[in-house]
Every structure is written in structure tokens, then in C-alpha cells.
Amino acid sequence: MVAEKLVRDLIPQIIRDSGTEPVFREYGSEEEYKRSLLAKLEEEVAELKAADTDEKRAEEIADVLEVVDAIAYVFGIKTEDIERIKTKKFRERGGFFCGYILKMD
């Protein structure tokens, strides 16, 4: 079985420039693309969780944000709408900066 994963847009050319011809395909449907992006988000979050230095964490956070931007794009969600909702939720419920852990039964 051949493994497949979604890669950044310039990766095929970077591989070519290194002297190898990449074997890749474009997504078959919009639904496949959406599933691939959501799987990529899980992959990047796992890499963030495994990161053991601030430099690696910053790199993985950048990757997570890049994937989130692509997910918003493919679902047709505007950045302005995300920021508006984020701001509203922050005003109404706060952020995650205090570190409160709610005890639940």
C-alpha cells in the first residue's frame, strides 16, 4: 500500500529541484480535499503536542495556523468572520490564558 498525505503547495517543485520527480496527485473531489485537510490538522496538532522546544512549538503552531487557514478557505469561511466570532466569544467567555480547569462529575 502506498501512503499518501497532503503536502504544502510548493513541495512538488522543491522535490523536483532536488533532482527527483515527485509522485503526487491532486485531490479527486472537494470532499476528499476537506477530509485531507482535517487529517492534516490532526497530524500537525500531534506534532505540536510532541514538540519539545519553543522553536519546534512555534514551527508547529505556524503549521497548524496554515492548515486552519486552508480549512476556512475550502469551507468558504472568511477570515473577517472568524475574527468577529473569536472576538465575540472572547468578550463573552474569555480566553484560555488563566489556565482554569473545571472539575466535572
PDB file of N, CA and C in Angstrom:
ATOM      1  N   MET A   1       0.841  -1.181   0.000  1.00  0.00           N
ATOM      2  CA  MET A   1       0.000   0.000   0.000  1.00  0.00           C
ATOM      3  C   MET A   1       0.890   1.250   0.000  1.00  0.00           C
ATOM      4  N   VAL A   2       0.538   2.201  -0.808  1.00  0.00           N
ATOM      5  CA  VAL A   2       1.272   3.461  -0.906  1.00  0.00           C
ATOM      6  C   VAL A   2       0.649   4.462   0.054  1.00  0.00           C
ATOM      7  N   ALA A   3       1.480   5.073   0.875  1.00  0.00           N
ATOM      8  CA  ALA A   3       0.987   6.093   1.798  1.00  0.00           C
ATOM      9  C   ALA A   3       0.827   7.414   1.057  1.00  0.00           C
ATOM     10  N   GLU A   4      -0.206   8.135   1.414  1.00  0.00           N
ATOM     11  CA  GLU A   4      -0.452   9.449   0.823  1.00  0.00           C
ATOM     12  C   GLU A   4      -0.692  10.447   1.945  1.00  0.00           C
ATOM     13  N   LYS A   5      -0.241  11.671   1.733  1.00  0.00           N
ATOM     14  CA  LYS A   5      -0.573  12.736   2.668  1.00  0.00           C
ATOM     15  C   LYS A   5      -0.572  14.058   1.925  1.00  0.00           C
ATOM     16  N   LEU A   6      -1.401  14.948   2.395  1.00  0.00           N
ATOM     17  CA  LEU A   6      -1.479  16.291   1.845  1.00  0.00           C
ATOM     18  C   LEU A   6      -0.196  17.033   2.187  1.00  0.00           C
ATOM     19  N   VAL A   7       0.378  17.696   1.187  1.00  0.00           N
ATOM     20  CA  VAL A   7       1.603  18.467   1.406  1.00  0.00           C
ATOM     21  C   VAL A   7       1.382  19.910   0.972  1.00  0.00           C
ATOM     22  N   ARG A   8       2.270  20.775   1.411  1.00  0.00           N
ATOM     23  CA  ARG A   8       2.199  22.189   1.029  1.00  0.00           C
ATOM     24  C   ARG A   8       2.351  22.341  -0.483  1.00  0.00           C
ATOM     25  N   ASP A   9       1.829  23.433  -1.006  1.00  0.00           N
ATOM     26  CA  ASP A   9       1.742  23.666  -2.445  1.00  0.00           C
ATOM     27  C   ASP A   9       3.077  23.630  -3.183  1.00  0.00           C
ATOM     28  N   LEU A  10       4.142  24.049  -2.551  1.00  0.00           N
ATOM     29  CA  LEU A  10       5.435  24.130  -3.241  1.00  0.00           C
ATOM     30  C   LEU A  10       6.280  22.863  -3.114  1.00  0.00           C
ATOM     31  N   ILE A  11       5.818  21.878  -2.350  1.00  0.00           N
ATOM     32  CA  ILE A  11       6.609  20.666  -2.121  1.00  0.00           C
ATOM     33  C   ILE A  11       6.923  19.910  -3.413  1.00  0.00           C
ATOM     34  N   PRO A  12       5.972  19.707  -4.342  1.00  0.00           N
ATOM     35  CA  PRO A  12       6.349  19.008  -5.579  1.00  0.00           C
ATOM     36  C   PRO A  12       7.508  19.689  -6.320  1.00  0.00           C
ATOM     37  N   GLN A  13       7.490  21.013  -6.399  1.00  0.00           N
ATOM     38  CA  GLN A  13       8.578  21.719  -7.089  1.00  0.00           C
ATOM     39  C   GLN A  13       9.885  21.626  -6.305  1.00  0.00           C
ATOM     40  N   ILE A  14       9.809  21.690  -4.997  1.00  0.00           N
ATOM     41  CA  ILE A  14      11.014  21.551  -4.168  1.00  0.00           C
ATOM     42  C   ILE A  14      11.645  20.181  -4.392  1.00  0.00           C
ATOM     43  N   ILE A  15      10.823  19.141  -4.488  1.00  0.00           N
ATOM     44  CA  ILE A  15      11.337  17.791  -4.755  1.00  0.00           C
ATOM     45  C   ILE A  15      11.972  17.740  -6.142  1.00  0.00           C
ATOM     46  N   ARG A  16      11.303  18.335  -7.133  1.00  0.00           N
ATOM     47  CA  ARG A  16      11.874  18.394  -8.494  1.00  0.00           C
ATOM     48  C   ARG A  16      13.230  19.088  -8.489  1.00  0.00           C
ATOM     49  N   ASP A  17      13.292  20.212  -7.796  1.00  0.00           N
ATOM     50  CA  ASP A  17      14.535  20.987  -7.740  1.00  0.00           C
ATOM     51  C   ASP A  17      15.675  20.207  -7.092  1.00  0.00           C
ATOM     52  N   SER A  18      15.329  19.207  -6.291  1.00  0.00           N
ATOM     53  CA  SER A  18      16.365  18.393  -5.649  1.00  0.00           C
ATOM     54  C   SER A  18      16.829  17.250  -6.549  1.00  0.00           C
ATOM     55  N   GLY A  19      16.209  17.147  -7.755  1.00  0.00           N
ATOM     56  CA  GLY A  19      16.645  16.140  -8.717  1.00  0.00           C
ATOM     57  C   GLY A  19      15.796  14.890  -8.767  1.00  0.00           C
ATOM     58  N   THR A  20      14.675  14.877  -8.071  1.00  0.00           N
ATOM     59  CA  THR A  20      13.782  13.724  -8.062  1.00  0.00           C
ATOM     60  C   THR A  20      12.430  14.148  -8.620  1.00  0.00           C
ATOM     61  N   GLU A  21      11.801  13.257  -9.362  1.00  0.00           N
ATOM     62  CA  GLU A  21      10.461  13.547  -9.872  1.00  0.00           C
ATOM     63  C   GLU A  21       9.444  13.044  -8.849  1.00  0.00           C
ATOM     64  N   PRO A  22       8.647  13.938  -8.276  1.00  0.00           N
ATOM     65  CA  PRO A  22       7.692  13.507  -7.250  1.00  0.00           C
ATOM     66  C   PRO A  22       6.522  12.741  -7.855  1.00  0.00           C
ATOM     67  N   VAL A  23       6.001  11.814  -7.101  1.00  0.00           N
ATOM     68  CA  VAL A  23       4.784  11.110  -7.482  1.00  0.00           C
ATOM     69  C   VAL A  23       3.685  11.691  -6.600  1.00  0.00           C
ATOM     70  N   PHE A  24       2.779  12.402  -7.226  1.00  0.00           N
ATOM     71  CA  PHE A  24       1.701  13.023  -6.465  1.00  0.00           C
ATOM     72  C   PHE A  24       0.466  13.097  -7.339  1.00  0.00           C
ATOM     73  N   ARG A  25      -0.641  13.393  -6.714  1.00  0.00           N
ATOM     74  CA  ARG A  25      -1.891  13.606  -7.436  1.00  0.00           C
ATOM     75  C   ARG A  25      -2.621  14.742  -6.757  1.00  0.00           C
ATOM     76  N   GLU A  26      -3.535  15.330  -7.475  1.00  0.00           N
ATOM     77  CA  GLU A  26      -4.388  16.343  -6.869  1.00  0.00           C
ATOM     78  C   GLU A  26      -5.622  15.638  -6.321  1.00  0.00           C
ATOM     79  N   TYR A  27      -6.294  16.291  -5.390  1.00  0.00           N
ATOM     80  CA  TYR A  27      -7.454  15.665  -4.776  1.00  0.00           C
ATOM     81  C   TYR A  27      -8.512  15.341  -5.820  1.00  0.00           C
ATOM     82  N   GLY A  28      -9.264  14.262  -5.565  1.00  0.00           N
ATOM     83  CA  GLY A  28     -10.269  13.804  -6.513  1.00  0.00           C
ATOM     84  C   GLY A  28     -11.592  14.540  -6.415  1.00  0.00           C
ATOM     85  N   SER A  29     -11.906  15.043  -5.244  1.00  0.00           N
ATOM     86  CA  SER A  29     -13.159  15.769  -5.038  1.00  0.00           C
ATOM     87  C   SER A  29     -12.955  16.777  -3.916  1.00  0.00           C
ATOM     88  N   GLU A  30     -13.863  17.712  -3.829  1.00  0.00           N
ATOM     89  CA  GLU A  30     -13.781  18.695  -2.753  1.00  0.00           C
ATOM     90  C   GLU A  30     -13.926  18.020  -1.395  1.00  0.00           C
ATOM     91  N   GLU A  31     -14.753  16.985  -1.329  1.00  0.00           N
ATOM     92  CA  GLU A  31     -14.922  16.254  -0.066  1.00  0.00           C
ATOM     93  C   GLU A  31     -13.625  15.574   0.351  1.00  0.00           C
ATOM     94  N   GLU A  32     -12.904  14.989  -0.618  1.00  0.00           N
ATOM     95  CA  GLU A  32     -11.613  14.374  -0.306  1.00  0.00           C
ATOM     96  C   GLU A  32     -10.629  15.431   0.191  1.00  0.00           C
ATOM     97  N   TYR A  33     -10.634  16.587  -0.436  1.00  0.00           N
ATOM     98  CA  TYR A  33      -9.750  17.679  -0.029  1.00  0.00           C
ATOM     99  C   TYR A  33     -10.063  18.115   1.404  1.00  0.00           C
ATOM    100  N   LYS A  34     -11.346  18.263   1.720  1.00  0.00           N
ATOM    101  CA  LYS A  34     -11.750  18.643   3.075  1.00  0.00           C
ATOM    102  C   LYS A  34     -11.296  17.597   4.091  1.00  0.00           C
ATOM    103  N   ARG A  35     -11.516  16.314   3.769  1.00  0.00           N
ATOM    104  CA  ARG A  35     -11.076  15.237   4.670  1.00  0.00           C
ATOM    105  C   ARG A  35      -9.564  15.262   4.846  1.00  0.00           C
ATOM    106  N   SER A  36      -8.839  15.507   3.750  1.00  0.00           N
ATOM    107  CA  SER A  36      -7.376  15.557   3.803  1.00  0.00           C
ATOM    108  C   SER A  36      -6.897  16.711   4.673  1.00  0.00           C
ATOM    109  N   LEU A  37      -7.557  17.847   4.568  1.00  0.00           N
ATOM    110  CA  LEU A  37      -7.182  18.993   5.405  1.00  0.00           C
ATOM    111  C   LEU A  37      -7.443  18.718   6.884  1.00  0.00           C
ATOM    112  N   LEU A  38      -8.565  18.096   7.184  1.00  0.00           N
ATOM    113  CA  LEU A  38      -8.868  17.782   8.581  1.00  0.00           C
ATOM    114  C   LEU A  38      -7.884  16.750   9.133  1.00  0.00           C
ATOM    115  N   ALA A  39      -7.488  15.788   8.297  1.00  0.00           N
ATOM    116  CA  ALA A  39      -6.464  14.816   8.712  1.00  0.00           C
ATOM    117  C   ALA A  39      -5.121  15.510   8.910  1.00  0.00           C
ATOM    118  N   LYS A  40      -4.803  16.466   8.034  1.00  0.00           N
ATOM    119  CA  LYS A  40      -3.551  17.221   8.165  1.00  0.00           C
ATOM    120  C   LYS A  40      -3.562  18.025   9.459  1.00  0.00           C
ATOM    121  N   LEU A  41      -4.710  18.579   9.828  1.00  0.00           N
ATOM    122  CA  LEU A  41      -4.808  19.315  11.087  1.00  0.00           C
ATOM    123  C   LEU A  41      -4.487  18.395  12.267  1.00  0.00           C
ATOM    124  N   GLU A  42      -5.046  17.190  12.252  1.00  0.00           N
ATOM    125  CA  GLU A  42      -4.749  16.227  13.315  1.00  0.00           C
ATOM    126  C   GLU A  42      -3.255  15.903  13.348  1.00  0.00           C
ATOM    127  N   GLU A  43      -2.651  15.725  12.174  1.00  0.00           N
ATOM    128  CA  GLU A  43      -1.213  15.442  12.084  1.00  0.00           C
ATOM    129  C   GLU A  43      -0.390  16.583  12.684  1.00  0.00           C
ATOM    130  N   GLU A  44      -0.739  17.805  12.322  1.00  0.00           N
ATOM    131  CA  GLU A  44       0.018  18.964  12.808  1.00  0.00           C
ATOM    132  C   GLU A  44      -0.178  19.177  14.308  1.00  0.00           C
ATOM    133  N   VAL A  45      -1.378  18.925  14.814  1.00  0.00           N
ATOM    134  CA  VAL A  45      -1.620  19.043  16.255  1.00  0.00           C
ATOM    135  C   VAL A  45      -0.813  17.979  17.002  1.00  0.00           C
ATOM    136  N   ALA A  46      -0.743  16.761  16.461  1.00  0.00           N
ATOM    137  CA  ALA A  46       0.072  15.711  17.085  1.00  0.00           C
ATOM    138  C   ALA A  46       1.540  16.126  17.119  1.00  0.00           C
ATOM    139  N   GLU A  47       2.020  16.745  16.040  1.00  0.00           N
ATOM    140  CA  GLU A  47       3.405  17.211  16.005  1.00  0.00           C
ATOM    141  C   GLU A  47       3.626  18.342  17.016  1.00  0.00           C
ATOM    142  N   LEU A  48       2.632  19.201  17.178  1.00  0.00           N
ATOM    143  CA  LEU A  48       2.726  20.263  18.182  1.00  0.00           C
ATOM    144  C   LEU A  48       2.807  19.663  19.586  1.00  0.00           C
ATOM    145  N   LYS A  49       1.977  18.671  19.855  1.00  0.00           N
ATOM    146  CA  LYS A  49       1.991  18.032  21.165  1.00  0.00           C
ATOM    147  C   LYS A  49       3.334  17.365  21.453  1.00  0.00           C
ATOM    148  N   ALA A  50       3.986  16.864  20.412  1.00  0.00           N
ATOM    149  CA  ALA A  50       5.268  16.169  20.575  1.00  0.00           C
ATOM    150  C   ALA A  50       6.464  17.119  20.605  1.00  0.00           C
ATOM    151  N   ALA A  51       6.264  18.361  20.198  1.00  0.00           N
ATOM    152  CA  ALA A  51       7.376  19.325  20.134  1.00  0.00           C
ATOM    153  C   ALA A  51       7.955  19.541  21.530  1.00  0.00           C
ATOM    154  N   ASP A  52       9.294  19.552  21.600  1.00  0.00           N
ATOM    155  CA  ASP A  52       9.930  19.630  22.913  1.00  0.00           C
ATOM    156  C   ASP A  52      10.789  20.873  23.135  1.00  0.00           C
ATOM    157  N   THR A  53      10.727  21.809  22.185  1.00  0.00           N
ATOM    158  CA  THR A  53      11.412  23.088  22.378  1.00  0.00           C
ATOM    159  C   THR A  53      10.479  24.202  21.921  1.00  0.00           C
ATOM    160  N   ASP A  54      10.740  25.409  22.388  1.00  0.00           N
ATOM    161  CA  ASP A  54       9.911  26.545  21.965  1.00  0.00           C
ATOM    162  C   ASP A  54      10.015  26.772  20.466  1.00  0.00           C
ATOM    163  N   GLU A  55      11.198  26.566  19.898  1.00  0.00           N
ATOM    164  CA  GLU A  55      11.369  26.746  18.453  1.00  0.00           C
ATOM    165  C   GLU A  55      10.514  25.751  17.674  1.00  0.00           C
ATOM    166  N   LYS A  56      10.520  24.488  18.102  1.00  0.00           N
ATOM    167  CA  LYS A  56       9.696  23.472  17.434  1.00  0.00           C
ATOM    168  C   LYS A  56       8.214  23.773  17.634  1.00  0.00           C
ATOM    169  N   ARG A  57       7.841  24.215  18.840  1.00  0.00           N
ATOM    170  CA  ARG A  57       6.435  24.559  19.092  1.00  0.00           C
ATOM    171  C   ARG A  57       5.985  25.695  18.179  1.00  0.00           C
ATOM    172  N   ALA A  58       6.823  26.719  18.036  1.00  0.00           N
ATOM    173  CA  ALA A  58       6.481  27.852  17.164  1.00  0.00           C
ATOM    174  C   ALA A  58       6.298  27.384  15.729  1.00  0.00           C
ATOM    175  N   GLU A  59       7.180  26.494  15.274  1.00  0.00           N
ATOM    176  CA  GLU A  59       7.074  25.965  13.911  1.00  0.00           C
ATOM    177  C   GLU A  59       5.780  25.177  13.733  1.00  0.00           C
ATOM    178  N   GLU A  60       5.442  24.361  14.711  1.00  0.00           N
ATOM    179  CA  GLU A  60       4.226  23.557  14.609  1.00  0.00           C
ATOM    180  C   GLU A  60       2.972  24.416  14.734  1.00  0.00           C
ATOM    181  N   ILE A  61       3.007  25.448  15.573  1.00  0.00           N
ATOM    182  CA  ILE A  61       1.864  26.368  15.652  1.00  0.00           C
ATOM    183  C   ILE A  61       1.657  27.048  14.304  1.00  0.00           C
ATOM    184  N   ALA A  62       2.744  27.443  13.653  1.00  0.00           N
ATOM    185  CA  ALA A  62       2.642  28.048  12.317  1.00  0.00           C
ATOM    186  C   ALA A  62       1.999  27.066  11.341  1.00  0.00           C
ATOM    187  N   ASP A  63       2.375  25.792  11.417  1.00  0.00           N
ATOM    188  CA  ASP A  63       1.781  24.778  10.541  1.00  0.00           C
ATOM    189  C   ASP A  63       0.294  24.605  10.830  1.00  0.00           C
ATOM    190  N   VAL A  64      -0.069  24.560  12.115  1.00  0.00           N
ATOM    191  CA  VAL A  64      -1.481  24.433  12.488  1.00  0.00           C
ATOM    192  C   VAL A  64      -2.279  25.607  11.925  1.00  0.00           C
ATOM    193  N   LEU A  65      -1.767  26.817  12.091  1.00  0.00           N
ATOM    194  CA  LEU A  65      -2.473  28.006  11.593  1.00  0.00           C
ATOM    195  C   LEU A  65      -2.596  27.989  10.074  1.00  0.00           C
ATOM    196  N   GLU A  66      -1.563  27.515   9.381  1.00  0.00           N
ATOM    197  CA  GLU A  66      -1.610  27.418   7.914  1.00  0.00           C
ATOM    198  C   GLU A  66      -2.718  26.459   7.472  1.00  0.00           C
ATOM    199  N   VAL A  67      -2.829  25.333   8.165  1.00  0.00           N
ATOM    200  CA  VAL A  67      -3.873  24.362   7.833  1.00  0.00           C
ATOM    201  C   VAL A  67      -5.250  24.933   8.164  1.00  0.00           C
ATOM    202  N   VAL A  68      -5.381  25.615   9.291  1.00  0.00           N
ATOM    203  CA  VAL A  68      -6.665  26.230   9.659  1.00  0.00           C
ATOM    204  C   VAL A  68      -7.079  27.253   8.601  1.00  0.00           C
ATOM    205  N   ASP A  69      -6.130  28.037   8.110  1.00  0.00           N
ATOM    206  CA  ASP A  69      -6.434  28.996   7.035  1.00  0.00           C
ATOM    207  C   ASP A  69      -6.965  28.277   5.797  1.00  0.00           C
ATOM    208  N   ALA A  70      -6.343  27.158   5.437  1.00  0.00           N
ATOM    209  CA  ALA A  70      -6.785  26.399   4.264  1.00  0.00           C
ATOM    210  C   ALA A  70      -8.168  25.793   4.495  1.00  0.00           C
ATOM    211  N   ILE A  71      -8.421  25.316   5.708  1.00  0.00           N
ATOM    212  CA  ILE A  71      -9.744  24.763   6.032  1.00  0.00           C
ATOM    213  C   ILE A  71     -10.807  25.848   5.900  1.00  0.00           C
ATOM    214  N   ALA A  72     -10.546  27.019   6.450  1.00  0.00           N
ATOM    215  CA  ALA A  72     -11.501  28.126   6.329  1.00  0.00           C
ATOM    216  C   ALA A  72     -11.754  28.438   4.858  1.00  0.00           C
ATOM    217  N   TYR A  73     -10.692  28.486   4.072  1.00  0.00           N
ATOM    218  CA  TYR A  73     -10.813  28.795   2.641  1.00  0.00           C
ATOM    219  C   TYR A  73     -11.689  27.768   1.925  1.00  0.00           C
ATOM    220  N   VAL A  74     -11.408  26.489   2.135  1.00  0.00           N
ATOM    221  CA  VAL A  74     -12.133  25.453   1.397  1.00  0.00           C
ATOM    222  C   VAL A  74     -13.600  25.359   1.832  1.00  0.00           C
ATOM    223  N   PHE A  75     -13.884  25.757   3.068  1.00  0.00           N
ATOM    224  CA  PHE A  75     -15.270  25.773   3.526  1.00  0.00           C
ATOM    225  C   PHE A  75     -15.958  27.107   3.230  1.00  0.00           C
ATOM    226  N   GLY A  76     -15.228  28.044   2.631  1.00  0.00           N
ATOM    227  CA  GLY A  76     -15.806  29.332   2.258  1.00  0.00           C
ATOM    228  C   GLY A  76     -16.044  30.263   3.433  1.00  0.00           C
ATOM    229  N   ILE A  77     -15.252  30.112   4.480  1.00  0.00           N
ATOM    230  CA  ILE A  77     -15.404  30.948   5.674  1.00  0.00           C
ATOM    231  C   ILE A  77     -14.373  32.064   5.623  1.00  0.00           C
ATOM    232  N   LYS A  78     -14.842  33.290   5.713  1.00  0.00           N
ATOM    233  CA  LYS A  78     -13.954  34.449   5.605  1.00  0.00           C
ATOM    234  C   LYS A  78     -13.194  34.689   6.908  1.00  0.00           C
ATOM    235  N   THR A  79     -11.950  35.124   6.765  1.00  0.00           N
ATOM    236  CA  THR A  79     -11.107  35.439   7.918  1.00  0.00           C
ATOM    237  C   THR A  79     -11.777  36.473   8.811  1.00  0.00           C
ATOM    238  N   GLU A  80     -12.425  37.462   8.207  1.00  0.00           N
ATOM    239  CA  GLU A  80     -13.093  38.502   8.991  1.00  0.00           C
ATOM    240  C   GLU A  80     -14.193  37.911   9.864  1.00  0.00           C
ATOM    241  N   ASP A  81     -14.917  36.921   9.316  1.00  0.00           N
ATOM    242  CA  ASP A  81     -15.981  36.279  10.090  1.00  0.00           C
ATOM    243  C   ASP A  81     -15.404  35.497  11.263  1.00  0.00           C
ATOM    244  N   ILE A  82     -14.303  34.806  11.026  1.00  0.00           N
ATOM    245  CA  ILE A  82     -13.649  34.058  12.104  1.00  0.00           C
ATOM    246  C   ILE A  82     -13.193  35.015  13.196  1.00  0.00           C
ATOM    247  N   GLU A  83     -12.563  36.110  12.805  1.00  0.00           N
ATOM    248  CA  GLU A  83     -12.074  37.086  13.788  1.00  0.00           C
ATOM    249  C   GLU A  83     -13.222  37.716  14.568  1.00  0.00           C
ATOM    250  N   ARG A  84     -14.340  37.998  13.888  1.00  0.00           N
ATOM    251  CA  ARG A  84     -15.510  38.572  14.560  1.00  0.00           C
ATOM    252  C   ARG A  84     -16.051  37.603  15.606  1.00  0.00           C
ATOM    253  N   ILE A  85     -16.189  36.336  15.234  1.00  0.00           N
ATOM    254  CA  ILE A  85     -16.699  35.322  16.159  1.00  0.00           C
ATOM    255  C   ILE A  85     -15.717  35.111  17.312  1.00  0.00           C
ATOM    256  N   LYS A  86     -14.436  35.064  16.989  1.00  0.00           N
ATOM    257  CA  LYS A  86     -13.398  34.895  18.016  1.00  0.00           C
ATOM    258  C   LYS A  86     -13.456  36.035  19.036  1.00  0.00           C
ATOM    259  N   THR A  87     -13.563  37.263  18.547  1.00  0.00           N
ATOM    260  CA  THR A  87     -13.636  38.433  19.427  1.00  0.00           C
ATOM    261  C   THR A  87     -14.884  38.383  20.296  1.00  0.00           C
ATOM    262  N   LYS A  88     -16.011  38.041  19.689  1.00  0.00           N
ATOM    263  CA  LYS A  88     -17.278  37.945  20.432  1.00  0.00           C
ATOM    264  C   LYS A  88     -17.167  36.907  21.543  1.00  0.00           C
ATOM    265  N   LYS A  89     -16.643  35.721  21.217  1.00  0.00           N
ATOM    266  CA  LYS A  89     -16.502  34.668  22.223  1.00  0.00           C
ATOM    267  C   LYS A  89     -15.539  35.092  23.331  1.00  0.00           C
ATOM    268  N   PHE A  90     -14.469  35.782  22.956  1.00  0.00           N
ATOM    269  CA  PHE A  90     -13.503  36.243  23.957  1.00  0.00           C
ATOM    270  C   PHE A  90     -14.162  37.227  24.920  1.00  0.00           C
ATOM    271  N   ARG A  91     -14.943  38.152  24.371  1.00  0.00           N
ATOM    272  CA  ARG A  91     -15.626  39.141  25.221  1.00  0.00           C
ATOM    273  C   ARG A  91     -16.638  38.478  26.147  1.00  0.00           C
ATOM    274  N   GLU A  92     -17.351  37.472  25.632  1.00  0.00           N
ATOM    275  CA  GLU A  92     -18.416  36.831  26.402  1.00  0.00           C
ATOM    276  C   GLU A  92     -17.911  35.768  27.369  1.00  0.00           C
ATOM    277  N   ARG A  93     -16.843  35.052  26.981  1.00  0.00           N
ATOM    278  CA  ARG A  93     -16.397  33.897  27.768  1.00  0.00           C
ATOM    279  C   ARG A  93     -14.928  33.937  28.167  1.00  0.00           C
ATOM    280  N   GLY A  94     -14.195  34.889  27.613  1.00  0.00           N
ATOM    281  CA  GLY A  94     -12.769  34.966  27.903  1.00  0.00           C
ATOM    282  C   GLY A  94     -11.962  34.067  26.983  1.00  0.00           C
ATOM    283  N   GLY A  95     -10.673  34.000  27.296  1.00  0.00           N
ATOM    284  CA  GLY A  95      -9.769  33.166  26.502  1.00  0.00           C
ATOM    285  C   GLY A  95      -9.351  31.948  27.307  1.00  0.00           C
ATOM    286  N   PHE A  96      -8.143  31.497  27.066  1.00  0.00           N
ATOM    287  CA  PHE A  96      -7.615  30.329  27.762  1.00  0.00           C
ATOM    288  C   PHE A  96      -6.280  30.663  28.432  1.00  0.00           C
ATOM    289  N   PHE A  97      -6.132  31.888  28.887  1.00  0.00           N
ATOM    290  CA  PHE A  97      -4.854  32.356  29.417  1.00  0.00           C
ATOM    291  C   PHE A  97      -4.692  32.128  30.920  1.00  0.00           C
ATOM    292  N   CYS A  98      -5.789  31.965  31.655  1.00  0.00           N
ATOM    293  CA  CYS A  98      -5.708  31.797  33.108  1.00  0.00           C
ATOM    294  C   CYS A  98      -5.435  30.350  33.515  1.00  0.00           C
ATOM    295  N   GLY A  99      -5.741  29.421  32.652  1.00  0.00           N
ATOM    296  CA  GLY A  99      -5.466  28.018  32.953  1.00  0.00           C
ATOM    297  C   GLY A  99      -6.459  27.356  33.890  1.00  0.00           C
ATOM    298  N   TYR A 100      -7.691  27.829  33.915  1.00  0.00           N
ATOM    299  CA  TYR A 100      -8.705  27.229  34.777  1.00  0.00           C
ATOM    300  C   TYR A 100      -9.091  25.847  34.255  1.00  0.00           C
ATOM    301  N   ILE A 101      -9.106  24.872  35.161  1.00  0.00           N
ATOM    302  CA  ILE A 101      -9.546  23.521  34.833  1.00  0.00           C
ATOM    303  C   ILE A 101     -10.834  23.276  35.603  1.00  0.00           C
ATOM    304  N   LEU A 102     -11.943  23.095  34.889  1.00  0.00           N
ATOM    305  CA  LEU A 102     -13.246  22.892  35.512  1.00  0.00           C
ATOM    306  C   LEU A 102     -13.385  21.442  35.947  1.00  0.00           C
ATOM    307  N   LYS A 103     -13.751  21.236  37.211  1.00  0.00           N
ATOM    308  CA  LYS A 103     -13.993  19.888  37.716  1.00  0.00           C
ATOM    309  C   LYS A 103     -15.409  19.493  37.343  1.00  0.00           C
ATOM    310  N   MET A 104     -15.556  18.315  36.788  1.00  0.00           N
ATOM    311  CA  MET A 104     -16.862  17.839  36.340  1.00  0.00           C
ATOM    312  C   MET A 104     -17.077  16.422  36.858  1.00  0.00           C
ATOM    313  N   ASP A 105     -18.309  16.132  37.262  1.00  0.00           N
ATOM    314  CA  ASP A 105     -18.635  14.778  37.734  1.00  0.00           C
ATOM    315  C   ASP A 105     -19.142  13.931  36.605  1.00  0.00           C
TER     316      ASP A 105
END
